[in-house]
């Protein structure tokens, strides 16, 4: 059973333990934490879950509750900078996001943590592990690799569509969705982007809570990886790369590079595309459970 420990507000989901910090400092990251009853907690590292571009901590609530229950560990879901309820800043790259996560681990006085990250969050997690390996007990990058490669998606187009929505001063989510249809035909992807839509308190129009101009400029850099030379630095801890079988972000050709940065890495395939956590949550859960049941 999942149950609150330190709670400033209670989840609508029965039995979920959930609390969120207030951001006293501009550089604090907003987060929520899930976990089993105190008596059930196993003396193993907590898990920090990092979302992808245009995502937020809300995306990983369901899978975090399931993993917290199954693994009997605390799981922190975090909003990275310029996302969700975390602070906005002009600089947006993997180095500064990794610094934010390192500071988060230190502020919460976590000895070590397991890092799970999807897409942008995967490269952020990898950067943390390579920068500060003593803080990371295990690593799970989800559908991204430590390589410099152009993004195989339409993130730049999404930014233009979202900017079109804001310029139109829509007052209903359905109106925003109608505009986004011109930029993305997939309803699930449009719904994902629209999770960032909020109502302005000034004029009641719908605006995006993410800084579109900042993220638009940052997108080319999201294809990079801070470490250019494979093997120049390494993380020796247990590592599992989870990739979608219908995605090309983690190719077979990238595995030798992965092994140079992460010599103890293995690869698990999940029947899904790039958005594999939402497309096949059970397949993802089983892969992570098998790996983390033995991890420190």
Protein backbone atom coordinates (compact mmCIF):
# COMPACT_ATOMS: atom_id res chain seq x y z
CA UNK A 1 0.00 0.00 0.00
CA UNK A 2 1.25 3.47 -0.87
CA UNK A 3 0.85 6.03 1.85
CA UNK A 4 1.86 9.64 2.67
CA UNK A 5 4.81 10.41 4.93
CA UNK A 6 5.51 14.15 4.72
CA UNK A 7 2.52 15.59 2.97
CA UNK A 8 1.66 19.14 2.04
CA UNK A 9 -1.18 18.00 -0.18
CA UNK A 10 -2.73 14.59 -0.71
CA UNK A 11 -3.03 12.90 -4.05
CA UNK A 12 -6.47 12.28 -5.50
CA UNK A 13 -5.38 8.71 -6.10
CA UNK A 14 -6.28 6.69 -3.05
CA UNK A 15 -3.32 5.56 -1.00
CA UNK A 16 -0.67 7.52 -2.92
CA UNK A 17 1.96 9.31 -0.94
CA UNK A 18 2.69 12.62 -2.53
CA UNK A 19 4.18 15.94 -1.59
CA UNK A 20 5.70 18.86 -3.40
CA UNK A 21 8.25 21.42 -2.31
CA UNK A 22 7.68 25.13 -2.56
CA UNK A 23 10.44 26.76 -4.57
CA UNK A 24 12.07 29.17 -2.13
CA UNK A 25 15.08 29.62 -4.39
CA UNK A 26 15.01 30.39 -8.08
CA UNK A 27 17.05 27.29 -8.84
CA UNK A 28 14.98 24.77 -6.88
CA UNK A 29 13.35 21.99 -8.89
CA UNK A 30 9.70 21.18 -8.28
CA UNK A 31 9.12 17.54 -7.40
CA UNK A 32 6.75 14.94 -6.01
CA UNK A 33 7.70 11.77 -4.16
CA UNK A 34 6.02 8.37 -4.03
CA UNK A 35 6.84 5.42 -1.83
CA UNK A 36 5.58 2.43 0.17
CA UNK A 37 4.69 2.44 3.83
CA UNK A 38 7.72 3.18 6.00
CA UNK A 39 7.76 -0.38 7.33
CA UNK A 40 8.03 -1.69 3.78
CA UNK A 41 10.89 0.54 2.63
CA UNK A 42 13.96 -1.42 1.58
CA UNK A 43 17.33 0.09 2.46
CA UNK A 44 18.23 0.85 -1.12
CA UNK A 45 18.80 4.05 -3.05
CA UNK A 46 15.76 6.15 -3.97
CA UNK A 47 14.90 6.69 -7.62
CA UNK A 48 14.84 10.05 -9.41
CA UNK A 49 12.68 10.08 -12.55
CA UNK A 50 13.45 12.70 -15.25
CA UNK A 51 11.02 13.53 -18.07
CA UNK A 52 11.67 14.47 -21.69
CA UNK A 53 11.32 17.68 -23.70
CA UNK A 54 7.91 19.37 -23.16
CA UNK A 55 7.16 16.84 -20.41
CA UNK A 56 6.79 17.23 -16.66
CA UNK A 57 6.76 15.23 -13.44
CA UNK A 58 3.07 14.52 -14.05
CA UNK A 59 3.93 12.30 -17.03
CA UNK A 60 5.60 9.74 -14.77
CA UNK A 61 3.11 9.61 -11.89
CA UNK A 62 1.49 6.31 -12.83
CA UNK A 63 4.66 4.35 -13.53
CA UNK A 64 6.34 5.86 -10.45
CA UNK A 65 3.52 4.67 -8.19
CA UNK A 66 3.80 1.17 -9.67
CA UNK A 67 7.59 1.01 -9.32
CA UNK A 68 7.50 2.44 -5.78
CA UNK A 69 5.06 -0.30 -4.83
CA UNK A 70 6.95 -3.10 -6.57
CA UNK A 71 10.48 -2.08 -5.58
CA UNK A 72 9.59 -0.68 -2.13
CA UNK A 73 11.69 2.41 -2.81
CA UNK A 74 11.03 6.12 -2.74
CA UNK A 75 10.65 7.65 -6.19
CA UNK A 76 11.09 11.36 -6.85
CA UNK A 77 9.52 12.72 -10.03
CA UNK A 78 11.14 16.02 -10.96
CA UNK A 79 10.33 18.97 -13.21
CA UNK A 80 13.54 19.93 -15.01
CA UNK A 81 14.29 23.62 -15.59
CA UNK A 82 11.95 25.39 -18.06
CA UNK A 83 9.36 22.64 -17.56
CA UNK A 84 6.36 22.04 -15.32
CA UNK A 85 6.47 24.09 -12.13
CA UNK A 86 10.25 24.53 -12.03
CA UNK A 87 12.07 27.78 -12.68
CA UNK A 88 12.67 29.32 -16.11
CA UNK A 89 16.18 30.22 -17.25
CA UNK A 90 17.73 31.37 -20.52
CA UNK A 91 20.34 28.62 -20.50
CA UNK A 92 19.00 25.18 -21.40
CA UNK A 93 21.47 22.38 -22.09
CA UNK A 94 22.50 19.04 -20.62
CA UNK A 95 25.36 20.45 -18.56
CA UNK A 96 23.20 22.92 -16.64
CA UNK A 97 20.33 20.43 -16.27
CA UNK A 98 22.80 17.92 -14.83
CA UNK A 99 24.03 20.57 -12.39
CA UNK A 100 20.41 21.16 -11.33
CA UNK A 101 19.91 17.44 -10.63
CA UNK A 102 23.20 17.17 -8.71
CA UNK A 103 22.13 20.13 -6.58
CA UNK A 104 18.73 18.47 -6.05
CA UNK A 105 20.38 15.26 -4.79
CA UNK A 106 22.60 17.27 -2.45
CA UNK A 107 19.77 19.49 -1.16
CA UNK A 108 17.67 16.46 -0.25
CA UNK A 109 20.74 14.88 1.37
CA UNK A 110 20.39 11.71 -0.67
CA UNK A 111 23.54 9.61 -0.36
CA UNK A 112 23.02 8.07 -3.79
CA UNK A 113 20.14 7.74 -6.21
CA UNK A 114 19.04 5.62 -9.13
CA UNK A 115 18.46 7.87 -12.14
CA UNK A 116 15.78 7.04 -14.71
CA UNK A 117 15.37 9.49 -17.58
CA UNK A 118 13.46 9.50 -20.85
CA UNK A 119 14.79 11.22 -24.00
CA UNK A 120 16.07 14.65 -22.84
CA UNK A 121 15.92 13.28 -19.30
CA UNK A 122 18.00 10.27 -20.40
CA UNK A 123 20.88 12.42 -21.62
CA UNK A 124 20.60 14.54 -18.48
CA UNK A 125 20.80 11.41 -16.32
CA UNK A 126 23.80 10.13 -18.30
CA UNK A 127 25.55 13.48 -17.84
CA UNK A 128 24.96 13.38 -14.07
CA UNK A 129 26.39 9.84 -13.89
CA UNK A 130 29.50 10.82 -15.84
CA UNK A 131 29.96 14.09 -13.93
CA UNK A 132 29.28 12.76 -10.42
CA UNK A 133 29.39 8.94 -10.48
CA UNK A 134 29.53 8.67 -6.68
CA UNK A 135 26.01 10.13 -6.49
CA UNK A 136 24.49 7.53 -8.83
CA UNK A 137 23.90 3.95 -7.66
CA UNK A 138 22.35 2.79 -10.95
CA UNK A 139 21.32 4.35 -14.25
CA UNK A 140 18.37 3.75 -16.61
CA UNK A 141 18.45 5.88 -19.79
CA UNK A 142 15.23 5.45 -21.77
CA UNK A 143 15.38 5.69 -25.57
CA UNK A 144 18.39 7.94 -25.96
CA UNK A 145 22.11 7.33 -26.41
CA UNK A 146 25.30 9.26 -25.54
CA UNK A 147 25.84 10.43 -29.11
CA UNK A 148 25.62 13.63 -31.13
CA UNK A 149 22.88 13.10 -33.69
CA UNK A 150 20.12 15.24 -35.22
CA UNK A 151 16.76 14.82 -33.49
CA UNK A 152 14.59 12.37 -35.42
CA UNK A 153 11.43 14.19 -34.47
CA UNK A 154 9.49 17.38 -35.15
CA UNK A 155 10.21 19.26 -31.93
CA UNK A 156 11.00 22.48 -33.82
CA UNK A 157 7.69 22.19 -35.63
CA UNK A 158 5.92 21.67 -32.30
CA UNK A 159 7.36 24.94 -30.98
CA UNK A 160 6.06 26.80 -34.03
CA UNK A 161 2.64 25.24 -33.57
CA UNK A 162 2.56 26.17 -29.89
CA UNK A 163 3.62 29.73 -30.72
CA UNK A 164 0.77 29.84 -33.26
CA UNK A 165 -1.64 28.82 -30.49
CA UNK A 166 -0.43 31.63 -28.23
CA UNK A 167 -0.61 34.22 -31.01
CA UNK A 168 -4.23 33.21 -31.72
CA UNK A 169 -5.28 34.07 -28.13
CA UNK A 170 -7.49 30.98 -27.87
CA UNK A 171 -9.72 30.56 -24.85
CA UNK A 172 -10.45 26.82 -25.15
CA UNK A 173 -8.19 23.78 -25.32
CA UNK A 174 -10.22 22.50 -28.27
CA UNK A 175 -9.27 25.63 -30.21
CA UNK A 176 -5.61 25.05 -29.41
CA UNK A 177 -5.88 21.45 -30.55
CA UNK A 178 -7.45 22.53 -33.83
CA UNK A 179 -4.43 24.75 -34.52
CA UNK A 180 -1.94 22.04 -33.55
CA UNK A 181 -3.56 19.65 -36.04
CA UNK A 182 -1.78 21.66 -38.72
CA UNK A 183 1.56 20.77 -37.14
CA UNK A 184 1.04 17.25 -35.75
CA UNK A 185 -1.58 14.72 -36.85
CA UNK A 186 -1.10 12.34 -33.91
CA UNK A 187 -3.74 12.97 -31.25
CA UNK A 188 -1.66 11.44 -28.39
CA UNK A 189 1.27 13.74 -29.19
CA UNK A 190 -1.02 16.79 -29.40
CA UNK A 191 -2.56 15.83 -26.06
CA UNK A 192 0.94 15.51 -24.60
CA UNK A 193 1.88 19.00 -25.81
CA UNK A 194 -1.40 20.42 -24.51
CA UNK A 195 -0.61 19.26 -20.96
CA UNK A 196 1.49 22.44 -20.89
CA UNK A 197 -1.48 24.69 -21.70
CA UNK A 198 -2.71 26.91 -18.85
CA UNK A 199 -5.15 29.79 -18.60
CA UNK A 200 -3.70 33.27 -18.22
CA UNK A 201 -4.94 35.09 -15.12
CA UNK A 202 -4.63 38.40 -16.96
CA UNK A 203 -6.94 37.95 -19.95
CA UNK A 204 -8.23 34.34 -19.66
CA UNK A 205 -6.52 33.27 -22.88
CA UNK A 206 -4.67 29.96 -23.03
CA UNK A 207 -0.86 30.11 -22.84
CA UNK A 208 1.89 27.51 -22.53
CA UNK A 209 3.67 27.35 -19.18
CA UNK A 210 6.98 26.43 -20.84
CA UNK A 211 9.16 29.26 -22.28
CA UNK A 212 8.71 28.51 -25.97
CA UNK A 213 11.38 30.92 -27.23
CA UNK A 214 14.00 29.47 -24.87
CA UNK A 215 13.18 25.86 -25.73
CA UNK A 216 12.97 26.65 -29.44
CA UNK A 217 16.52 27.99 -29.37
CA UNK A 218 17.69 25.04 -27.25
CA UNK A 219 16.33 22.27 -29.51
CA UNK A 220 19.43 21.97 -31.78
CA UNK A 221 21.57 21.48 -28.66
CA UNK A 222 19.31 18.69 -27.46
CA UNK A 223 20.83 16.53 -30.20
CA UNK A 224 24.30 16.96 -28.67
CA UNK A 225 25.98 15.15 -25.80
CA UNK A 226 28.37 17.05 -23.49
CA UNK A 227 31.11 14.42 -23.81
CA UNK A 228 32.33 14.14 -27.39
CA UNK A 229 35.05 11.51 -26.97
CA UNK A 230 33.71 8.03 -26.06
CA UNK A 231 35.67 6.59 -23.18
CA UNK A 232 37.18 9.92 -22.12
CA UNK A 233 35.13 9.50 -18.96
CA UNK A 234 33.02 6.59 -17.76
CA UNK A 235 30.40 5.52 -15.26
CA UNK A 236 31.14 2.03 -13.94
CA UNK A 237 27.85 1.44 -12.13
CA UNK A 238 25.01 -0.84 -13.27
CA UNK A 239 23.28 0.65 -16.30
CA UNK A 240 20.27 -0.40 -18.36
CA UNK A 241 19.44 1.27 -21.68
CA UNK A 242 15.76 0.71 -22.43
CA UNK A 243 14.91 1.31 -26.08
CA UNK A 244 11.78 1.12 -28.19
CA UNK A 245 11.90 -1.46 -30.96
CA UNK A 246 10.07 0.97 -33.28
CA UNK A 247 12.36 3.88 -32.41
CA UNK A 248 15.75 4.69 -33.94
CA UNK A 249 17.17 6.76 -31.08
CA UNK A 250 19.29 3.86 -29.74
CA UNK A 251 20.62 2.00 -32.77
CA UNK A 252 22.71 -1.15 -32.73
CA UNK A 253 25.54 0.99 -34.12
CA UNK A 254 25.48 3.17 -30.99
CA UNK A 255 26.04 0.23 -28.59
CA UNK A 256 29.88 0.30 -28.82
CA UNK A 257 29.81 4.00 -27.90
CA UNK A 258 27.44 3.24 -25.03
CA UNK A 259 29.86 0.58 -23.76
CA UNK A 260 32.79 3.02 -23.78
CA UNK A 261 30.94 5.50 -21.58
CA UNK A 262 29.05 2.86 -19.58
CA UNK A 263 31.07 -0.38 -19.55
CA UNK A 264 28.53 -2.22 -17.37
CA UNK A 265 25.57 -1.32 -19.57
CA UNK A 266 23.03 -3.74 -20.98
CA UNK A 267 20.19 -3.04 -23.42
CA UNK A 268 16.53 -4.02 -23.02
CA UNK A 269 14.11 -3.82 -25.93
CA UNK A 270 10.47 -2.85 -25.36
CA UNK A 271 7.86 -3.21 -28.09
CA UNK A 272 7.08 0.48 -28.64
CA UNK A 273 8.23 3.69 -30.30
CA UNK A 274 10.11 6.61 -28.75
CA UNK A 275 7.30 7.31 -26.23
CA UNK A 276 7.65 3.80 -24.86
CA UNK A 277 6.74 4.54 -21.22
CA UNK A 278 3.25 5.66 -22.27
CA UNK A 279 2.96 3.27 -25.23
CA UNK A 280 3.94 0.13 -23.32
CA UNK A 281 4.05 0.89 -19.59
CA UNK A 282 3.91 -2.79 -18.61
CA UNK A 283 6.82 -3.72 -20.85
CA UNK A 284 8.83 -0.83 -19.43
CA UNK A 285 7.88 -1.73 -15.85
CA UNK A 286 8.98 -5.33 -16.29
CA UNK A 287 12.34 -4.31 -17.79
CA UNK A 288 13.07 -1.87 -14.97
CA UNK A 289 11.88 -4.29 -12.26
CA UNK A 290 14.15 -7.06 -13.51
CA UNK A 291 17.11 -4.68 -13.49
CA UNK A 292 16.52 -2.80 -10.23
CA UNK A 293 15.51 -5.74 -8.06
CA UNK A 294 19.22 -6.53 -7.79
CA UNK A 295 20.59 -2.97 -8.04
CA UNK A 296 21.87 -1.13 -4.93
